[in-house]
C-alpha cells in the first residue's frame, strides 16, 4: 500500500531567522519575568505559555546553525516555577 503523498515544505533562511527571533523574544520575556521579585498570576501564566512555546520550538527539525542553548536554558528556568 503506497504512502500518501505528503509535501514537506522547507523553510527559507529568512523564515528560520524569524522563527528563531520569535523564540528569542520568548526567552527574553521569560527571563524578564523571572527577574521580578513579585509576579502576578497573569505573568506566571505568560511564563508557562512561553515555556510551552519554546518546548515545541526546540523539537523542530528545521534548525541549522542556530544556538538553541538560550531556549533550553529558559525552558529549564521557567519550568522551575511552574506547578504541575
PDB file of N, CA and C in Angstrom:
ATOM      1  N   UNK A   1       0.842  -1.174   0.000  1.00  0.00           N
ATOM      2  CA  UNK A   1       0.000   0.000   0.000  1.00  0.00           C
ATOM      3  C   UNK A   1       0.888   1.238   0.000  1.00  0.00           C
ATOM      4  N   UNK A   2       0.723   2.099  -0.985  1.00  0.00           N
ATOM      5  CA  UNK A   2       1.580   3.284  -1.061  1.00  0.00           C
ATOM      6  C   UNK A   2       1.250   4.278   0.043  1.00  0.00           C
ATOM      7  N   UNK A   3       2.272   5.006   0.444  1.00  0.00           N
ATOM      8  CA  UNK A   3       2.051   6.041   1.463  1.00  0.00           C
ATOM      9  C   UNK A   3       1.465   7.272   0.794  1.00  0.00           C
ATOM     10  N   UNK A   4       0.670   8.025   1.523  1.00  0.00           N
ATOM     11  CA  UNK A   4       0.089   9.228   0.928  1.00  0.00           C
ATOM     12  C   UNK A   4       1.177  10.213   0.549  1.00  0.00           C
ATOM     13  N   UNK A   5       0.905  10.980  -0.463  1.00  0.00           N
ATOM     14  CA  UNK A   5       1.857  11.988  -0.922  1.00  0.00           C
ATOM     15  C   UNK A   5       1.796  13.186   0.022  1.00  0.00           C
ATOM     16  N   UNK A   6       2.774  13.273   0.892  1.00  0.00           N
ATOM     17  CA  UNK A   6       2.825  14.374   1.843  1.00  0.00           C
ATOM     18  C   UNK A   6       3.939  15.307   1.404  1.00  0.00           C
ATOM     19  N   UNK A   7       3.564  16.527   1.174  1.00  0.00           N
ATOM     20  CA  UNK A   7       4.568  17.506   0.773  1.00  0.00           C
ATOM     21  C   UNK A   7       5.184  18.130   2.012  1.00  0.00           C
ATOM     22  N   UNK A   8       6.487  18.084   2.087  1.00  0.00           N
ATOM     23  CA  UNK A   8       7.170  18.772   3.170  1.00  0.00           C
ATOM     24  C   UNK A   8       7.729  20.055   2.602  1.00  0.00           C
ATOM     25  N   UNK A   9       7.404  21.122   3.267  1.00  0.00           N
ATOM     26  CA  UNK A   9       7.826  22.431   2.805  1.00  0.00           C
ATOM     27  C   UNK A   9       9.059  22.837   3.585  1.00  0.00           C
ATOM     28  N   UNK A  10      10.135  23.076   2.887  1.00  0.00           N
ATOM     29  CA  UNK A  10      11.346  23.533   3.539  1.00  0.00           C
ATOM     30  C   UNK A  10      11.240  25.023   3.785  1.00  0.00           C
ATOM     31  N   UNK A  11      11.768  25.439   4.902  1.00  0.00           N
ATOM     32  CA  UNK A  11      11.741  26.856   5.242  1.00  0.00           C
ATOM     33  C   UNK A  11      12.960  27.559   4.660  1.00  0.00           C
ATOM     34  N   UNK A  12      12.763  28.795   4.290  1.00  0.00           N
ATOM     35  CA  UNK A  12      13.879  29.598   3.809  1.00  0.00           C
ATOM     36  C   UNK A  12      14.701  30.055   5.015  1.00  0.00           C
ATOM     37  N   UNK A  13      15.897  30.532   4.751  1.00  0.00           N
ATOM     38  CA  UNK A  13      16.753  31.053   5.823  1.00  0.00           C
ATOM     39  C   UNK A  13      16.064  32.216   6.531  1.00  0.00           C
ATOM     40  N   UNK A  14      15.345  33.025   5.773  1.00  0.00           N
ATOM     41  CA  UNK A  14      14.628  34.157   6.364  1.00  0.00           C
ATOM     42  C   UNK A  14      13.509  33.677   7.297  1.00  0.00           C
ATOM     43  N   UNK A  15      12.784  32.659   6.880  1.00  0.00           N
ATOM     44  CA  UNK A  15      11.710  32.121   7.716  1.00  0.00           C
ATOM     45  C   UNK A  15      12.269  31.507   9.008  1.00  0.00           C
ATOM     46  N   UNK A  16      13.389  30.814   8.887  1.00  0.00           N
ATOM     47  CA  UNK A  16      14.021  30.238  10.067  1.00  0.00           C
ATOM     48  C   UNK A  16      14.485  31.352  11.003  1.00  0.00           C
ATOM     49  N   UNK A  17      15.051  32.399  10.443  1.00  0.00           N
ATOM     50  CA  UNK A  17      15.516  33.527  11.255  1.00  0.00           C
ATOM     51  C   UNK A  17      14.353  34.179  12.005  1.00  0.00           C
ATOM     52  N   UNK A  18      13.205  34.286  11.349  1.00  0.00           N
ATOM     53  CA  UNK A  18      12.024  34.861  12.009  1.00  0.00           C
ATOM     54  C   UNK A  18      11.549  33.961  13.145  1.00  0.00           C
ATOM     55  N   UNK A  19      11.562  32.661  12.937  1.00  0.00           N
ATOM     56  CA  UNK A  19      11.149  31.736  13.987  1.00  0.00           C
ATOM     57  C   UNK A  19      12.121  31.782  15.163  1.00  0.00           C
ATOM     58  N   UNK A  20      13.404  31.894  14.861  1.00  0.00           N
ATOM     59  CA  UNK A  20      14.411  31.990  15.918  1.00  0.00           C
ATOM     60  C   UNK A  20      14.233  33.294  16.695  1.00  0.00           C
ATOM     61  N   UNK A  21      13.995  34.379  15.983  1.00  0.00           N
ATOM     62  CA  UNK A  21      13.773  35.676  16.632  1.00  0.00           C
ATOM     63  C   UNK A  21      12.562  35.622  17.551  1.00  0.00           C
ATOM     64  N   UNK A  22      11.503  34.977  17.101  1.00  0.00           N
ATOM     65  CA  UNK A  22      10.303  34.812  17.923  1.00  0.00           C
ATOM     66  C   UNK A  22      10.609  33.994  19.174  1.00  0.00           C
ATOM     67  N   UNK A  23      11.398  32.957  19.014  1.00  0.00           N
ATOM     68  CA  UNK A  23      11.772  32.127  20.163  1.00  0.00           C
ATOM     69  C   UNK A  23      12.625  32.928  21.144  1.00  0.00           C
ATOM     70  N   UNK A  24      13.530  33.748  20.624  1.00  0.00           N
ATOM     71  CA  UNK A  24      14.365  34.591  21.493  1.00  0.00           C
ATOM     72  C   UNK A  24      13.499  35.620  22.219  1.00  0.00           C
ATOM     73  N   UNK A  25      12.452  36.117  21.568  1.00  0.00           N
ATOM     74  CA  UNK A  25      11.509  37.013  22.254  1.00  0.00           C
ATOM     75  C   UNK A  25      10.894  36.303  23.460  1.00  0.00           C
ATOM     76  N   UNK A  26      10.549  35.030  23.296  1.00  0.00           N
ATOM     77  CA  UNK A  26      10.007  34.251  24.411  1.00  0.00           C
ATOM     78  C   UNK A  26      11.051  34.078  25.509  1.00  0.00           C
ATOM     79  N   UNK A  27      12.292  33.813  25.121  1.00  0.00           N
ATOM     80  CA  UNK A  27      13.380  33.689  26.091  1.00  0.00           C
ATOM     81  C   UNK A  27      13.499  34.973  26.900  1.00  0.00           C
ATOM     82  N   UNK A  28      13.521  36.108  26.206  1.00  0.00           N
ATOM     83  CA  UNK A  28      13.670  37.395  26.886  1.00  0.00           C
ATOM     84  C   UNK A  28      12.505  37.670  27.823  1.00  0.00           C
ATOM     85  N   UNK A  29      11.300  37.351  27.394  1.00  0.00           N
ATOM     86  CA  UNK A  29      10.129  37.566  28.237  1.00  0.00           C
ATOM     87  C   UNK A  29      10.207  36.697  29.495  1.00  0.00           C
ATOM     88  N   UNK A  30      10.543  35.429  29.317  1.00  0.00           N
ATOM     89  CA  UNK A  30      10.680  34.533  30.465  1.00  0.00           C
ATOM     90  C   UNK A  30      11.729  35.077  31.432  1.00  0.00           C
ATOM     91  N   UNK A  31      12.895  35.438  30.906  1.00  0.00           N
ATOM     92  CA  UNK A  31      13.968  35.936  31.765  1.00  0.00           C
ATOM     93  C   UNK A  31      13.578  37.224  32.476  1.00  0.00           C
ATOM     94  N   UNK A  32      12.915  38.129  31.763  1.00  0.00           N
ATOM     95  CA  UNK A  32      12.477  39.386  32.379  1.00  0.00           C
ATOM     96  C   UNK A  32      11.478  39.129  33.504  1.00  0.00           C
ATOM     97  N   UNK A  33      10.531  38.244  33.262  1.00  0.00           N
ATOM     98  CA  UNK A  33       9.527  37.955  34.284  1.00  0.00           C
ATOM     99  C   UNK A  33      10.123  37.203  35.473  1.00  0.00           C
ATOM    100  N   UNK A  34      11.063  36.309  35.201  1.00  0.00           N
ATOM    101  CA  UNK A  34      11.694  35.585  36.295  1.00  0.00           C
ATOM    102  C   UNK A  34      12.547  36.498  37.171  1.00  0.00           C
ATOM    103  N   UNK A  35      13.028  37.587  36.599  1.00  0.00           N
ATOM    104  CA  UNK A  35      13.866  38.525  37.354  1.00  0.00           C
ATOM    105  C   UNK A  35      13.055  39.366  38.344  1.00  0.00           C
ATOM    106  N   UNK A  36      11.746  39.405  38.145  1.00  0.00           N
ATOM    107  CA  UNK A  36      10.891  40.166  39.053  1.00  0.00           C
ATOM    108  C   UNK A  36      10.756  39.436  40.387  1.00  0.00           C
ATOM    109  N   UNK A  37      10.703  40.207  41.468  1.00  0.00           N
ATOM    110  CA  UNK A  37      10.537  39.581  42.781  1.00  0.00           C
ATOM    111  C   UNK A  37       9.093  39.181  43.026  1.00  0.00           C
ATOM    112  N   UNK A  38       8.164  39.931  42.467  1.00  0.00           N
ATOM    113  CA  UNK A  38       6.741  39.610  42.588  1.00  0.00           C
ATOM    114  C   UNK A  38       6.138  39.543  41.203  1.00  0.00           C
ATOM    115  N   UNK A  39       5.392  38.477  40.953  1.00  0.00           N
ATOM    116  CA  UNK A  39       4.725  38.318  39.660  1.00  0.00           C
ATOM    117  C   UNK A  39       3.241  38.103  39.893  1.00  0.00           C
ATOM    118  N   UNK A  40       2.466  38.610  38.963  1.00  0.00           N
ATOM    119  CA  UNK A  40       1.026  38.382  39.007  1.00  0.00           C
ATOM    120  C   UNK A  40       0.733  36.993  38.457  1.00  0.00           C
ATOM    121  N   UNK A  41      -0.484  36.527  38.683  1.00  0.00           N
ATOM    122  CA  UNK A  41      -0.894  35.249  38.097  1.00  0.00           C
ATOM    123  C   UNK A  41      -0.798  35.308  36.578  1.00  0.00           C
ATOM    124  N   UNK A  42      -1.147  36.440  36.009  1.00  0.00           N
ATOM    125  CA  UNK A  42      -1.071  36.604  34.551  1.00  0.00           C
ATOM    126  C   UNK A  42       0.375  36.480  34.061  1.00  0.00           C
ATOM    127  N   UNK A  43       1.305  37.047  34.802  1.00  0.00           N
ATOM    128  CA  UNK A  43       2.718  36.941  34.413  1.00  0.00           C
ATOM    129  C   UNK A  43       3.211  35.501  34.541  1.00  0.00           C
ATOM    130  N   UNK A  44       2.781  34.805  35.584  1.00  0.00           N
ATOM    131  CA  UNK A  44       3.147  33.392  35.724  1.00  0.00           C
ATOM    132  C   UNK A  44       2.555  32.556  34.593  1.00  0.00           C
ATOM    133  N   UNK A  45       1.335  32.875  34.203  1.00  0.00           N
ATOM    134  CA  UNK A  45       0.717  32.189  33.058  1.00  0.00           C
ATOM    135  C   UNK A  45       1.492  32.469  31.777  1.00  0.00           C
ATOM    136  N   UNK A  46       1.981  33.681  31.639  1.00  0.00           N
ATOM    137  CA  UNK A  46       2.769  34.052  30.472  1.00  0.00           C
ATOM    138  C   UNK A  46       4.066  33.246  30.419  1.00  0.00           C
ATOM    139  N   UNK A  47       4.682  33.063  31.575  1.00  0.00           N
ATOM    140  CA  UNK A  47       5.884  32.227  31.630  1.00  0.00           C
ATOM    141  C   UNK A  47       5.543  30.818  31.153  1.00  0.00           C
ATOM    142  N   UNK A  48       4.464  30.263  31.667  1.00  0.00           N
ATOM    143  CA  UNK A  48       4.052  28.908  31.288  1.00  0.00           C
ATOM    144  C   UNK A  48       3.824  28.802  29.784  1.00  0.00           C
ATOM    145  N   UNK A  49       3.071  29.741  29.225  1.00  0.00           N
ATOM    146  CA  UNK A  49       2.784  29.703  27.781  1.00  0.00           C
ATOM    147  C   UNK A  49       4.066  29.802  26.952  1.00  0.00           C
ATOM    148  N   UNK A  50       4.974  30.661  27.374  1.00  0.00           N
ATOM    149  CA  UNK A  50       6.209  30.847  26.619  1.00  0.00           C
ATOM    150  C   UNK A  50       7.144  29.654  26.762  1.00  0.00           C
ATOM    151  N   UNK A  51       7.173  29.022  27.927  1.00  0.00           N
ATOM    152  CA  UNK A  51       7.951  27.799  28.093  1.00  0.00           C
ATOM    153  C   UNK A  51       7.389  26.720  27.170  1.00  0.00           C
ATOM    154  N   UNK A  52       6.081  26.582  27.136  1.00  0.00           N
ATOM    155  CA  UNK A  52       5.455  25.582  26.263  1.00  0.00           C
ATOM    156  C   UNK A  52       5.774  25.864  24.795  1.00  0.00           C
ATOM    157  N   UNK A  53       5.770  27.130  24.417  1.00  0.00           N
ATOM    158  CA  UNK A  53       6.136  27.522  23.044  1.00  0.00           C
ATOM    159  C   UNK A  53       7.574  27.091  22.743  1.00  0.00           C
ATOM    160  N   UNK A  54       8.485  27.366  23.664  1.00  0.00           N
ATOM    161  CA  UNK A  54       9.888  27.011  23.442  1.00  0.00           C
ATOM    162  C   UNK A  54      10.083  25.502  23.397  1.00  0.00           C
ATOM    163  N   UNK A  55       9.332  24.779  24.216  1.00  0.00           N
ATOM    164  CA  UNK A  55       9.439  23.316  24.194  1.00  0.00           C
ATOM    165  C   UNK A  55       9.063  22.768  22.817  1.00  0.00           C
ATOM    166  N   UNK A  56       8.091  23.360  22.205  1.00  0.00           N
ATOM    167  CA  UNK A  56       7.709  22.957  20.846  1.00  0.00           C
ATOM    168  C   UNK A  56       8.800  23.346  19.854  1.00  0.00           C
ATOM    169  N   UNK A  57       9.295  24.562  20.005  1.00  0.00           N
ATOM    170  CA  UNK A  57      10.267  25.068  19.036  1.00  0.00           C
ATOM    171  C   UNK A  57      11.569  24.275  19.037  1.00  0.00           C
ATOM    172  N   UNK A  58      12.054  23.848  20.195  1.00  0.00           N
ATOM    173  CA  UNK A  58      13.336  23.139  20.216  1.00  0.00           C
ATOM    174  C   UNK A  58      13.248  21.757  19.565  1.00  0.00           C
ATOM    175  N   UNK A  59      12.046  21.251  19.386  1.00  0.00           N
ATOM    176  CA  UNK A  59      11.904  19.938  18.751  1.00  0.00           C
ATOM    177  C   UNK A  59      11.822  20.020  17.227  1.00  0.00           C
ATOM    178  N   UNK A  60      11.731  21.228  16.695  1.00  0.00           N
ATOM    179  CA  UNK A  60      11.599  21.377  15.245  1.00  0.00           C
ATOM    180  C   UNK A  60      12.863  20.915  14.543  1.00  0.00           C
ATOM    181  N   UNK A  61      12.704  20.378  13.339  1.00  0.00           N
ATOM    182  CA  UNK A  61      13.857  19.844  12.610  1.00  0.00           C
ATOM    183  C   UNK A  61      14.396  20.793  11.542  1.00  0.00           C
ATOM    184  N   UNK A  62      13.951  22.034  11.547  1.00  0.00           N
ATOM    185  CA  UNK A  62      14.419  22.965  10.519  1.00  0.00           C
ATOM    186  C   UNK A  62      15.610  23.809  10.963  1.00  0.00           C
ATOM    187  N   UNK A  63      16.021  23.682  12.214  1.00  0.00           N
ATOM    188  CA  UNK A  63      17.146  24.484  12.689  1.00  0.00           C
ATOM    189  C   UNK A  63      18.423  24.102  11.954  1.00  0.00           C
ATOM    190  N   UNK A  64      19.251  25.087  11.735  1.00  0.00           N
ATOM    191  CA  UNK A  64      20.531  24.836  11.053  1.00  0.00           C
ATOM    192  C   UNK A  64      21.661  25.107  12.043  1.00  0.00           C
ATOM    193  N   UNK A  65      22.174  26.329  12.060  1.00  0.00           N
ATOM    194  CA  UNK A  65      23.303  26.651  12.946  1.00  0.00           C
ATOM    195  C   UNK A  65      22.880  27.499  14.144  1.00  0.00           C
ATOM    196  N   UNK A  66      21.576  27.653  14.354  1.00  0.00           N
ATOM    197  CA  UNK A  66      21.089  28.480  15.454  1.00  0.00           C
ATOM    198  C   UNK A  66      21.461  27.850  16.794  1.00  0.00           C
ATOM    199  N   UNK A  67      21.831  28.704  17.741  1.00  0.00           N
ATOM    200  CA  UNK A  67      22.171  28.239  19.090  1.00  0.00           C
ATOM    201  C   UNK A  67      20.886  28.110  19.892  1.00  0.00           C
ATOM    202  N   UNK A  68      20.507  26.896  20.203  1.00  0.00           N
ATOM    203  CA  UNK A  68      19.279  26.644  20.947  1.00  0.00           C
ATOM    204  C   UNK A  68      19.491  26.652  22.462  1.00  0.00           C
ATOM    205  N   UNK A  69      20.721  26.879  22.899  1.00  0.00           N
ATOM    206  CA  UNK A  69      21.025  26.898  24.331  1.00  0.00           C
ATOM    207  C   UNK A  69      20.184  27.914  25.093  1.00  0.00           C
ATOM    208  N   UNK A  70      20.022  29.160  24.591  1.00  0.00           N
ATOM    209  CA  UNK A  70      19.183  30.105  25.338  1.00  0.00           C
ATOM    210  C   UNK A  70      17.739  29.619  25.484  1.00  0.00           C
ATOM    211  N   UNK A  71      17.233  28.932  24.474  1.00  0.00           N
ATOM    212  CA  UNK A  71      15.874  28.397  24.538  1.00  0.00           C
ATOM    213  C   UNK A  71      15.798  27.316  25.608  1.00  0.00           C
ATOM    214  N   UNK A  72      16.767  26.418  25.597  1.00  0.00           N
ATOM    215  CA  UNK A  72      16.789  25.331  26.570  1.00  0.00           C
ATOM    216  C   UNK A  72      16.962  25.867  27.994  1.00  0.00           C
ATOM    217  N   UNK A  73      17.809  26.884  28.157  1.00  0.00           N
ATOM    218  CA  UNK A  73      18.015  27.471  29.482  1.00  0.00           C
ATOM    219  C   UNK A  73      16.744  28.144  29.995  1.00  0.00           C
ATOM    220  N   UNK A  74      16.023  28.831  29.115  1.00  0.00           N
ATOM    221  CA  UNK A  74      14.780  29.491  29.514  1.00  0.00           C
ATOM    222  C   UNK A  74      13.712  28.455  29.874  1.00  0.00           C
ATOM    223  N   UNK A  75      13.690  27.349  29.158  1.00  0.00           N
ATOM    224  CA  UNK A  75      12.748  26.268  29.482  1.00  0.00           C
ATOM    225  C   UNK A  75      13.040  25.755  30.890  1.00  0.00           C
ATOM    226  N   UNK A  76      14.298  25.482  31.169  1.00  0.00           N
ATOM    227  CA  UNK A  76      14.686  24.967  32.480  1.00  0.00           C
ATOM    228  C   UNK A  76      14.340  25.968  33.581  1.00  0.00           C
ATOM    229  N   UNK A  77      14.676  27.227  33.370  1.00  0.00           N
ATOM    230  CA  UNK A  77      14.401  28.254  34.379  1.00  0.00           C
ATOM    231  C   UNK A  77      12.900  28.436  34.579  1.00  0.00           C
ATOM    232  N   UNK A  78      12.156  28.479  33.496  1.00  0.00           N
ATOM    233  CA  UNK A  78      10.713  28.653  33.588  1.00  0.00           C
ATOM    234  C   UNK A  78      10.028  27.467  34.226  1.00  0.00           C
ATOM    235  N   UNK A  79      10.500  26.273  33.901  1.00  0.00           N
ATOM    236  CA  UNK A  79       9.894  25.058  34.466  1.00  0.00           C
ATOM    237  C   UNK A  79      10.071  25.005  35.977  1.00  0.00           C
ATOM    238  N   UNK A  80      11.145  25.608  36.487  1.00  0.00           N
ATOM    239  CA  UNK A  80      11.390  25.577  37.929  1.00  0.00           C
ATOM    240  C   UNK A  80      10.296  26.316  38.692  1.00  0.00           C
ATOM    241  N   UNK A  81       9.572  27.189  37.995  1.00  0.00           N
ATOM    242  CA  UNK A  81       8.486  27.953  38.597  1.00  0.00           C
ATOM    243  C   UNK A  81       7.131  27.333  38.439  1.00  0.00           C
ATOM    244  N   UNK A  82       6.992  26.540  37.382  1.00  0.00           N
ATOM    245  CA  UNK A  82       5.683  26.025  37.013  1.00  0.00           C
ATOM    246  C   UNK A  82       5.230  24.960  37.999  1.00  0.00           C
ATOM    247  N   UNK A  83       3.947  24.980  38.303  1.00  0.00           N
ATOM    248  CA  UNK A  83       3.355  23.986  39.180  1.00  0.00           C
ATOM    249  C   UNK A  83       2.597  22.959  38.346  1.00  0.00           C
ATOM    250  N   UNK A  84       2.828  21.702  38.653  1.00  0.00           N
ATOM    251  CA  UNK A  84       2.149  20.646  37.878  1.00  0.00           C
ATOM    252  C   UNK A  84       1.316  19.801  38.795  1.00  0.00           C
TER     253      UNK A  84
END
